[in-house]
């Protein structure tokens, strides 16, 4: 069982479900052990990935129950990532998963399972980026946990967060080349880490997906829509090339849902720019996918859905509906404590009102967006807003 447990983490993705099911089969035939919890946690994630959320949640809780009854804290770092980065994110508030994943990281270090502990740390940082109110706090977490990963020689696992770190440096105004993710946080050939684009490790494709995603995010935030579209299409191309998103794997759900959201926003922005039906359709398709996410987890995705609905209405010329949806997106973002999305909602609402020649409201909303970006710590974005959209 130990061998199946470990092998399922590192084997080719198409073999992983077979090993997971074998763990469950052996448990049913010969009795429950600590590895049973891991098997059912992975099975839960697989069910979540097929949208069988009822059974995913049931088997996820069953895995937790086994682990707690057996006091198997050493398994936290293997079980929690599957549950708290996929299954429970589709039913629980994202913020509630932070402490649990960090606890799993600490327990993994105590047990000597440093690779899985580092995986927990990467998940924690990516969720923290979306949840914490201050970018500086996320940057501190990255620095502390990155130093720890280096001590335990886990650079090949930790490199998944380099794009996140560089994106934060750009947003905070600490990067020499704004918008492009090729600054201080990205390892180069002279360092003791693998070069991102030439990496031969098993994480190379995943690393590229993370790089493309954060490049999309930064490009969109700084209004480089063409670059954002180019990068999001690379993300989708990688999605088809690897099964990273399709195995219910660690971070797959969170990253895939964020890419879907950004693809919708970039497509709708391009639709208004070009008036091409193709972009409107792509934006609408993304909105439909986010509708499903919002139904399953309204506290995490309802505000994103409202923002996409507002952008769709704006693109279609439904002005009254667009105005109402922007207001709702702001309110839901604030109520669920997603400060960056609240800032973005104000910014997009300001652009909408500017198009309607409502300069007073546009200026007011640009000002609120600016203040929220400053509060979040994205001073470079706040400066960009002030320079390009005087208010």
Protein backbone atom coordinates (compact mmCIF):
# COMPACT_ATOMS: atom_id res chain seq x y z
CA UNK A 1 0.00 0.00 0.00
CA UNK A 2 2.86 2.39 0.78
CA UNK A 3 4.35 1.63 -2.62
CA UNK A 4 1.04 2.26 -4.39
CA UNK A 5 0.56 5.45 -2.39
CA UNK A 6 3.92 6.90 -3.39
CA UNK A 7 3.90 5.63 -6.97
CA UNK A 8 0.49 7.18 -7.67
CA UNK A 9 1.97 10.61 -6.95
CA UNK A 10 4.84 10.31 -9.40
CA UNK A 11 3.63 7.94 -12.12
CA UNK A 12 2.34 9.08 -15.55
CA UNK A 13 -1.07 10.73 -15.10
CA UNK A 14 -2.99 8.10 -17.07
CA UNK A 15 -1.82 5.38 -14.64
CA UNK A 16 -2.60 7.25 -11.45
CA UNK A 17 -6.35 6.41 -11.33
CA UNK A 18 -5.56 2.69 -11.68
CA UNK A 19 -3.22 2.78 -8.68
CA UNK A 20 -5.73 4.78 -6.65
CA UNK A 21 -8.48 2.27 -7.38
CA UNK A 22 -6.11 -0.55 -6.46
CA UNK A 23 -5.55 1.04 -3.05
CA UNK A 24 -9.31 1.18 -2.52
CA UNK A 25 -9.76 -2.40 -3.73
CA UNK A 26 -7.10 -3.70 -1.33
CA UNK A 27 -8.67 -1.75 1.52
CA UNK A 28 -12.08 -3.26 0.86
CA UNK A 29 -10.60 -6.76 0.61
CA UNK A 30 -8.12 -6.67 3.49
CA UNK A 31 -9.14 -3.83 5.78
CA UNK A 32 -8.52 -0.16 6.33
CA UNK A 33 -5.11 1.38 7.00
CA UNK A 34 -3.65 4.89 6.83
CA UNK A 35 -3.08 4.50 3.09
CA UNK A 36 -6.80 3.97 2.64
CA UNK A 37 -7.37 7.62 3.50
CA UNK A 38 -4.99 8.66 0.73
CA UNK A 39 -6.75 6.39 -1.76
CA UNK A 40 -10.18 7.79 -0.99
CA UNK A 41 -8.88 11.37 -1.00
CA UNK A 42 -7.50 10.85 -4.51
CA UNK A 43 -10.71 9.11 -5.55
CA UNK A 44 -12.65 12.08 -4.21
CA UNK A 45 -10.56 14.45 -6.33
CA UNK A 46 -11.15 12.31 -9.41
CA UNK A 47 -14.91 12.40 -8.81
CA UNK A 48 -14.75 16.16 -8.35
CA UNK A 49 -13.02 16.46 -11.69
CA UNK A 50 -15.94 14.62 -13.33
CA UNK A 51 -18.41 16.96 -11.58
CA UNK A 52 -19.78 14.22 -9.31
CA UNK A 53 -19.58 16.61 -6.38
CA UNK A 54 -21.99 14.77 -4.12
CA UNK A 55 -19.89 11.61 -4.03
CA UNK A 56 -16.64 13.58 -4.15
CA UNK A 57 -17.60 15.39 -0.96
CA UNK A 58 -18.80 12.15 0.65
CA UNK A 59 -15.60 10.22 -0.05
CA UNK A 60 -13.47 13.23 0.81
CA UNK A 61 -15.01 13.40 4.26
CA UNK A 62 -14.62 9.63 4.56
CA UNK A 63 -10.89 10.01 3.89
CA UNK A 64 -10.63 12.70 6.57
CA UNK A 65 -12.53 10.53 9.02
CA UNK A 66 -10.15 7.59 8.48
CA UNK A 67 -7.12 9.81 8.89
CA UNK A 68 -8.39 11.39 12.09
CA UNK A 69 -9.45 8.10 13.63
CA UNK A 70 -5.98 6.70 12.99
CA UNK A 71 -4.25 9.90 14.11
CA UNK A 72 -2.29 9.77 10.87
CA UNK A 73 -0.97 13.33 10.92
CA UNK A 74 1.98 12.26 8.80
CA UNK A 75 -0.47 11.76 5.92
CA UNK A 76 -1.86 15.31 6.06
CA UNK A 77 0.59 16.55 3.44
CA UNK A 78 -0.54 13.86 0.98
CA UNK A 79 -4.27 13.96 1.63
CA UNK A 80 -5.06 17.63 2.23
CA UNK A 81 -3.73 18.92 -1.12
CA UNK A 82 -6.21 16.77 -3.04
CA UNK A 83 -9.13 17.73 -0.84
CA UNK A 84 -8.45 21.37 -0.09
CA UNK A 85 -7.28 22.41 -3.54
CA UNK A 86 -10.09 20.72 -5.45
CA UNK A 87 -13.00 19.02 -3.67
CA UNK A 88 -13.57 21.35 -0.74
CA UNK A 89 -12.80 24.46 -2.79
CA UNK A 90 -15.94 23.61 -4.72
CA UNK A 91 -18.05 23.66 -1.58
CA UNK A 92 -16.15 25.65 1.06
CA UNK A 93 -14.98 29.23 1.18
CA UNK A 94 -11.50 29.50 -0.32
CA UNK A 95 -10.16 31.43 2.67
CA UNK A 96 -11.02 28.53 5.00
CA UNK A 97 -8.60 26.23 3.17
CA UNK A 98 -5.48 28.31 3.86
CA UNK A 99 -4.70 27.29 7.43
CA UNK A 100 -5.47 23.65 6.73
CA UNK A 101 -3.05 23.43 3.80
CA UNK A 102 -0.36 25.23 5.80
CA UNK A 103 -0.88 22.77 8.66
CA UNK A 104 -0.43 19.90 6.20
CA UNK A 105 2.84 21.47 5.07
CA UNK A 106 4.15 21.61 8.63
CA UNK A 107 3.07 18.06 9.42
CA UNK A 108 4.77 16.84 6.25
CA UNK A 109 8.05 18.40 7.31
CA UNK A 110 7.75 16.76 10.73
CA UNK A 111 7.18 13.39 9.06
CA UNK A 112 10.10 13.88 6.67
CA UNK A 113 7.87 13.88 3.58
CA UNK A 114 9.51 17.04 2.29
CA UNK A 115 8.36 16.80 -1.33
CA UNK A 116 4.67 16.56 -0.45
CA UNK A 117 5.18 19.22 2.22
CA UNK A 118 6.60 21.53 -0.45
CA UNK A 119 3.66 20.78 -2.74
CA UNK A 120 1.41 21.93 0.11
CA UNK A 121 3.46 25.10 0.39
CA UNK A 122 3.02 25.88 -3.32
CA UNK A 123 -0.74 25.33 -3.03
CA UNK A 124 -0.87 27.55 0.04
CA UNK A 125 0.91 30.41 -1.75
CA UNK A 126 -1.33 30.21 -4.81
CA UNK A 127 -4.50 30.26 -2.70
CA UNK A 128 -3.07 33.01 -0.47
CA UNK A 129 -2.51 35.18 -3.55
CA UNK A 130 -6.24 35.06 -4.21
CA UNK A 131 -7.36 35.43 -0.59
CA UNK A 132 -4.98 37.56 1.44
CA UNK A 133 -5.65 41.27 1.62
CA UNK A 134 -1.99 42.28 1.34
CA UNK A 135 0.42 41.28 -1.42
CA UNK A 136 3.29 41.99 0.95
CA UNK A 137 2.10 39.17 3.22
CA UNK A 138 2.00 36.75 0.30
CA UNK A 139 5.48 37.87 -0.74
CA UNK A 140 6.73 37.21 2.79
CA UNK A 141 5.19 33.73 2.73
CA UNK A 142 6.90 33.06 -0.60
CA UNK A 143 10.25 34.19 0.76
CA UNK A 144 10.02 32.16 3.97
CA UNK A 145 8.68 28.99 2.37
CA UNK A 146 11.06 29.30 -0.57
CA UNK A 147 14.02 29.51 1.77
CA UNK A 148 12.73 26.41 3.50
CA UNK A 149 12.31 24.56 0.19
CA UNK A 150 15.91 25.33 -0.71
CA UNK A 151 17.14 23.96 2.61
CA UNK A 152 15.34 20.69 1.86
CA UNK A 153 16.56 20.69 -1.77
CA UNK A 154 13.05 20.97 -3.18
CA UNK A 155 13.77 23.60 -5.85
CA UNK A 156 12.30 21.47 -8.64
CA UNK A 157 8.95 21.42 -6.83
CA UNK A 158 9.13 24.98 -5.56
CA UNK A 159 9.81 26.40 -9.03
CA UNK A 160 6.07 26.20 -9.73
CA UNK A 161 5.66 29.40 -7.71
CA UNK A 162 8.34 31.44 -9.47
CA UNK A 163 5.80 32.91 -11.95
CA UNK A 164 3.56 33.87 -9.02
CA UNK A 165 6.45 35.57 -7.26
CA UNK A 166 7.40 37.52 -10.38
CA UNK A 167 3.78 38.56 -10.93
CA UNK A 168 3.69 39.91 -7.37
CA UNK A 169 6.94 41.82 -7.92
CA UNK A 170 5.42 43.40 -11.03
CA UNK A 171 2.20 44.34 -9.25
CA UNK A 172 4.12 45.82 -6.32
CA UNK A 173 6.33 47.86 -8.65
CA UNK A 174 9.53 45.95 -7.84
CA UNK A 175 10.23 44.66 -11.36
CA UNK A 176 12.49 46.25 -13.94
CA UNK A 177 10.32 45.22 -16.88
CA UNK A 178 6.62 45.61 -16.12
CA UNK A 179 4.14 43.23 -17.73
CA UNK A 180 6.69 40.60 -18.89
CA UNK A 181 7.38 37.72 -16.50
CA UNK A 182 11.13 37.52 -16.96
CA UNK A 183 12.45 39.35 -13.93
CA UNK A 184 14.25 38.63 -10.69
CA UNK A 185 11.98 35.84 -9.47
CA UNK A 186 12.38 33.79 -12.65
CA UNK A 187 15.44 31.53 -12.52
CA UNK A 188 18.01 31.85 -15.28
CA UNK A 189 20.73 29.61 -16.63
CA UNK A 190 23.35 31.06 -14.30
CA UNK A 191 21.44 29.99 -11.23
CA UNK A 192 21.39 26.58 -9.63
CA UNK A 193 17.80 26.09 -10.76
CA UNK A 194 16.55 24.82 -14.11
CA UNK A 195 15.85 27.36 -16.80
CA UNK A 196 12.08 27.66 -17.11
CA UNK A 197 11.76 27.26 -20.83
CA UNK A 198 14.38 24.53 -21.17
CA UNK A 199 13.54 22.52 -18.10
CA UNK A 200 13.70 18.77 -18.63
CA UNK A 201 12.09 17.85 -15.34
CA UNK A 202 8.67 16.29 -14.92
CA UNK A 203 7.42 19.69 -13.75
CA UNK A 204 8.43 21.50 -16.96
CA UNK A 205 4.99 21.46 -18.59
CA UNK A 206 3.29 22.43 -15.36
CA UNK A 207 5.75 25.25 -14.93
CA UNK A 208 4.92 26.56 -18.38
CA UNK A 209 1.20 26.48 -17.56
CA UNK A 210 1.83 28.55 -14.45
CA UNK A 211 4.04 30.93 -16.41
CA UNK A 212 1.39 31.41 -19.10
CA UNK A 213 -1.37 31.88 -16.54
CA UNK A 214 0.40 34.59 -14.57
CA UNK A 215 1.48 36.25 -17.80
CA UNK A 216 -2.20 36.35 -18.81
CA UNK A 217 -3.10 37.84 -15.44
CA UNK A 218 -0.43 40.54 -15.52
CA UNK A 219 -1.05 41.40 -19.18
CA UNK A 220 -4.79 41.74 -18.61
CA UNK A 221 -4.38 43.81 -15.46
CA UNK A 222 -2.10 46.20 -17.34
CA UNK A 223 -4.46 46.36 -20.35
CA UNK A 224 -2.28 44.47 -22.83
CA UNK A 225 -5.21 42.47 -24.18
CA UNK A 226 -3.38 41.09 -27.22
CA UNK A 227 -0.61 39.62 -25.07
CA UNK A 228 -3.19 38.26 -22.63
CA UNK A 229 -5.06 36.48 -25.43
CA UNK A 230 -1.86 35.06 -26.88
CA UNK A 231 -0.87 33.66 -23.49
CA UNK A 232 -4.29 32.28 -22.60
CA UNK A 233 -4.36 30.39 -25.89
CA UNK A 234 -0.98 28.92 -24.99
CA UNK A 235 -2.51 27.81 -21.68
CA UNK A 236 -5.30 26.05 -23.52
CA UNK A 237 -2.81 24.49 -25.92
CA UNK A 238 -0.86 23.13 -22.95
CA UNK A 239 -4.13 21.91 -21.43
CA UNK A 240 -4.67 19.76 -24.50
CA UNK A 241 -1.07 18.56 -24.48
CA UNK A 242 -0.92 17.40 -20.88
CA UNK A 243 -3.49 15.98 -18.50
CA UNK A 244 -2.62 18.40 -15.73
CA UNK A 245 -6.17 19.70 -15.47
CA UNK A 246 -7.92 16.44 -16.27
CA UNK A 247 -6.76 14.17 -13.48
CA UNK A 248 -8.24 16.06 -10.54
CA UNK A 249 -4.65 16.86 -9.72
CA UNK A 250 -3.15 19.20 -7.22
CA UNK A 251 -3.88 22.84 -8.11
CA UNK A 252 -5.58 21.82 -11.36
CA UNK A 253 -9.05 22.96 -10.33
CA UNK A 254 -7.98 26.34 -8.95
CA UNK A 255 -5.74 27.17 -11.89
CA UNK A 256 -8.17 25.95 -14.53
CA UNK A 257 -11.05 27.95 -13.07
CA UNK A 258 -8.93 31.10 -12.96
CA UNK A 259 -7.81 30.61 -16.56
CA UNK A 260 -11.45 30.17 -17.61
CA UNK A 261 -12.36 33.43 -15.88
CA UNK A 262 -9.49 35.35 -17.45
CA UNK A 263 -10.18 33.88 -20.88
CA UNK A 264 -13.72 35.19 -20.61
CA UNK A 265 -12.59 38.68 -19.63
CA UNK A 266 -9.92 38.91 -22.33
CA UNK A 267 -12.28 37.58 -25.00
CA UNK A 268 -15.00 40.08 -24.12
CA UNK A 269 -12.49 42.93 -24.06
CA UNK A 270 -11.30 41.87 -27.52
CA UNK A 271 -14.92 41.57 -28.68
CA UNK A 272 -15.55 45.23 -27.87
CA UNK A 273 -12.33 46.18 -29.60
CA UNK A 274 -12.89 44.21 -32.82
CA UNK A 275 -16.65 43.61 -32.78
CA UNK A 276 -15.97 40.04 -33.94
CA UNK A 277 -18.59 37.44 -33.06
CA UNK A 278 -15.91 34.84 -32.36
CA UNK A 279 -14.69 36.71 -29.29
CA UNK A 280 -18.21 37.27 -28.01
CA UNK A 281 -18.89 33.55 -28.30
CA UNK A 282 -15.70 32.66 -26.46
CA UNK A 283 -16.56 35.08 -23.69
CA UNK A 284 -20.04 33.62 -23.44
CA UNK A 285 -18.65 30.07 -23.33
CA UNK A 286 -16.36 31.03 -20.45
CA UNK A 287 -19.28 32.61 -18.63
CA UNK A 288 -21.24 29.35 -18.90
CA UNK A 289 -18.36 27.45 -17.32
CA UNK A 290 -18.07 29.97 -14.49
CA UNK A 291 -21.83 29.65 -13.93
CA UNK A 292 -21.25 26.03 -12.94
CA UNK A 293 -18.46 27.05 -10.58
CA UNK A 294 -20.62 29.73 -9.01
CA UNK A 295 -23.46 27.27 -8.48
CA UNK A 296 -21.14 24.88 -6.64
CA UNK A 297 -19.19 27.52 -4.72
CA UNK A 298 -20.90 30.93 -4.70
CA UNK A 299 -18.60 32.39 -2.06
CA UNK A 300 -15.61 31.84 -4.37
CA UNK A 301 -17.05 32.40 -7.82
CA UNK A 302 -20.35 34.32 -7.74
CA UNK A 303 -18.57 37.67 -8.01
CA UNK A 304 -16.56 36.39 -10.98
CA UNK A 305 -19.74 35.25 -12.70
CA UNK A 306 -21.38 38.63 -12.09
CA UNK A 307 -18.37 40.41 -13.57
CA UNK A 308 -18.45 38.23 -16.68
CA UNK A 309 -22.20 38.79 -16.99
CA UNK A 310 -21.60 42.53 -16.74
CA UNK A 311 -18.96 42.39 -19.45
CA UNK A 312 -21.25 40.27 -21.66
CA UNK A 313 -24.07 42.76 -21.21
CA UNK A 314 -21.69 45.64 -21.96
CA UNK A 315 -20.51 43.94 -25.17
CA UNK A 316 -24.12 43.28 -26.21
CA UNK A 317 -25.20 46.86 -25.55
CA UNK A 318 -27.50 46.00 -22.63
CA UNK A 319 -26.49 49.06 -20.63
CA UNK A 320 -28.93 48.86 -17.74
CA UNK A 321 -28.14 45.19 -17.10
CA UNK A 322 -24.40 45.83 -17.34
CA UNK A 323 -24.54 48.65 -14.81
CA UNK A 324 -26.50 46.51 -12.36
CA UNK A 325 -24.17 43.52 -12.74
CA UNK A 326 -21.06 45.64 -12.15
CA UNK A 327 -22.57 46.91 -8.90
CA UNK A 328 -23.38 43.37 -7.83
CA UNK A 329 -19.87 42.18 -8.71
CA UNK A 330 -18.40 44.90 -6.51
CA UNK A 331 -20.69 43.99 -3.62
CA UNK A 332 -20.08 40.24 -3.81
CA UNK A 333 -16.31 40.72 -4.13
CA UNK A 334 -16.29 42.92 -1.04
CA UNK A 335 -18.57 40.65 0.99
CA UNK A 336 -16.43 37.60 0.21
CA UNK A 337 -13.16 39.47 0.83
CA UNK A 338 -11.56 39.25 -2.61
CA UNK A 339 -9.97 42.67 -2.65
CA UNK A 340 -8.27 42.30 -6.04
CA UNK A 341 -11.55 41.31 -7.68
CA UNK A 342 -13.34 44.19 -5.99
CA UNK A 343 -10.73 46.55 -7.44
CA UNK A 344 -11.09 44.96 -10.87
CA UNK A 345 -14.89 45.21 -10.69
CA UNK A 346 -14.66 48.93 -9.94
CA UNK A 347 -12.15 49.40 -12.76
CA UNK A 348 -14.27 47.63 -15.37
CA UNK A 349 -17.36 49.47 -14.16
CA UNK A 350 -15.45 52.73 -14.57
CA UNK A 351 -14.58 51.83 -18.17
CA UNK A 352 -18.23 51.04 -18.81
CA UNK A 353 -19.43 54.37 -17.41
CA UNK A 354 -16.72 56.22 -19.33
CA UNK A 355 -18.09 54.66 -22.53
CA UNK A 356 -21.52 55.97 -21.56
CA UNK A 357 -19.99 59.46 -21.16
CA UNK A 358 -20.78 59.42 -17.44
CA UNK A 359 -17.50 61.05 -16.48
CA UNK A 360 -18.49 61.69 -12.88
CA UNK A 361 -19.25 58.06 -12.11
CA UNK A 362 -16.29 56.81 -14.14
CA UNK A 363 -13.95 59.07 -12.18
CA UNK A 364 -15.49 57.97 -8.89
CA UNK A 365 -15.06 54.28 -9.73
CA UNK A 366 -11.54 54.70 -11.07
CA UNK A 367 -10.69 56.36 -7.78
CA UNK A 368 -12.15 53.48 -5.77
CA UNK A 369 -10.30 50.94 -7.91
CA UNK A 370 -7.07 52.88 -7.43
CA UNK A 371 -7.48 52.97 -3.65
CA UNK A 372 -8.21 49.24 -3.49
CA UNK A 373 -5.17 48.40 -5.61
CA UNK A 374 -3.06 50.51 -3.24
CA UNK A 375 -4.60 48.76 -0.23
CA UNK A 376 -3.87 45.37 -1.80
CA UNK A 377 -0.28 46.45 -2.39
CA UNK A 378 -0.40 46.60 -6.20
CA UNK A 379 1.14 50.06 -6.38
CA UNK A 380 2.37 49.57 -9.95
CA UNK A 381 -1.17 48.84 -11.09
CA UNK A 382 -2.48 51.82 -9.13
CA UNK A 383 0.09 54.05 -10.85
CA UNK A 384 -0.86 52.57 -14.23
CA UNK A 385 -4.48 53.41 -13.56
CA UNK A 386 -3.71 56.98 -12.61
CA UNK A 387 -1.44 57.52 -15.62
CA UNK A 388 -3.74 56.00 -18.24
CA UNK A 389 -7.18 56.82 -16.89
CA UNK A 390 -6.98 60.25 -15.20
CA UNK A 391 -9.67 60.68 -12.58
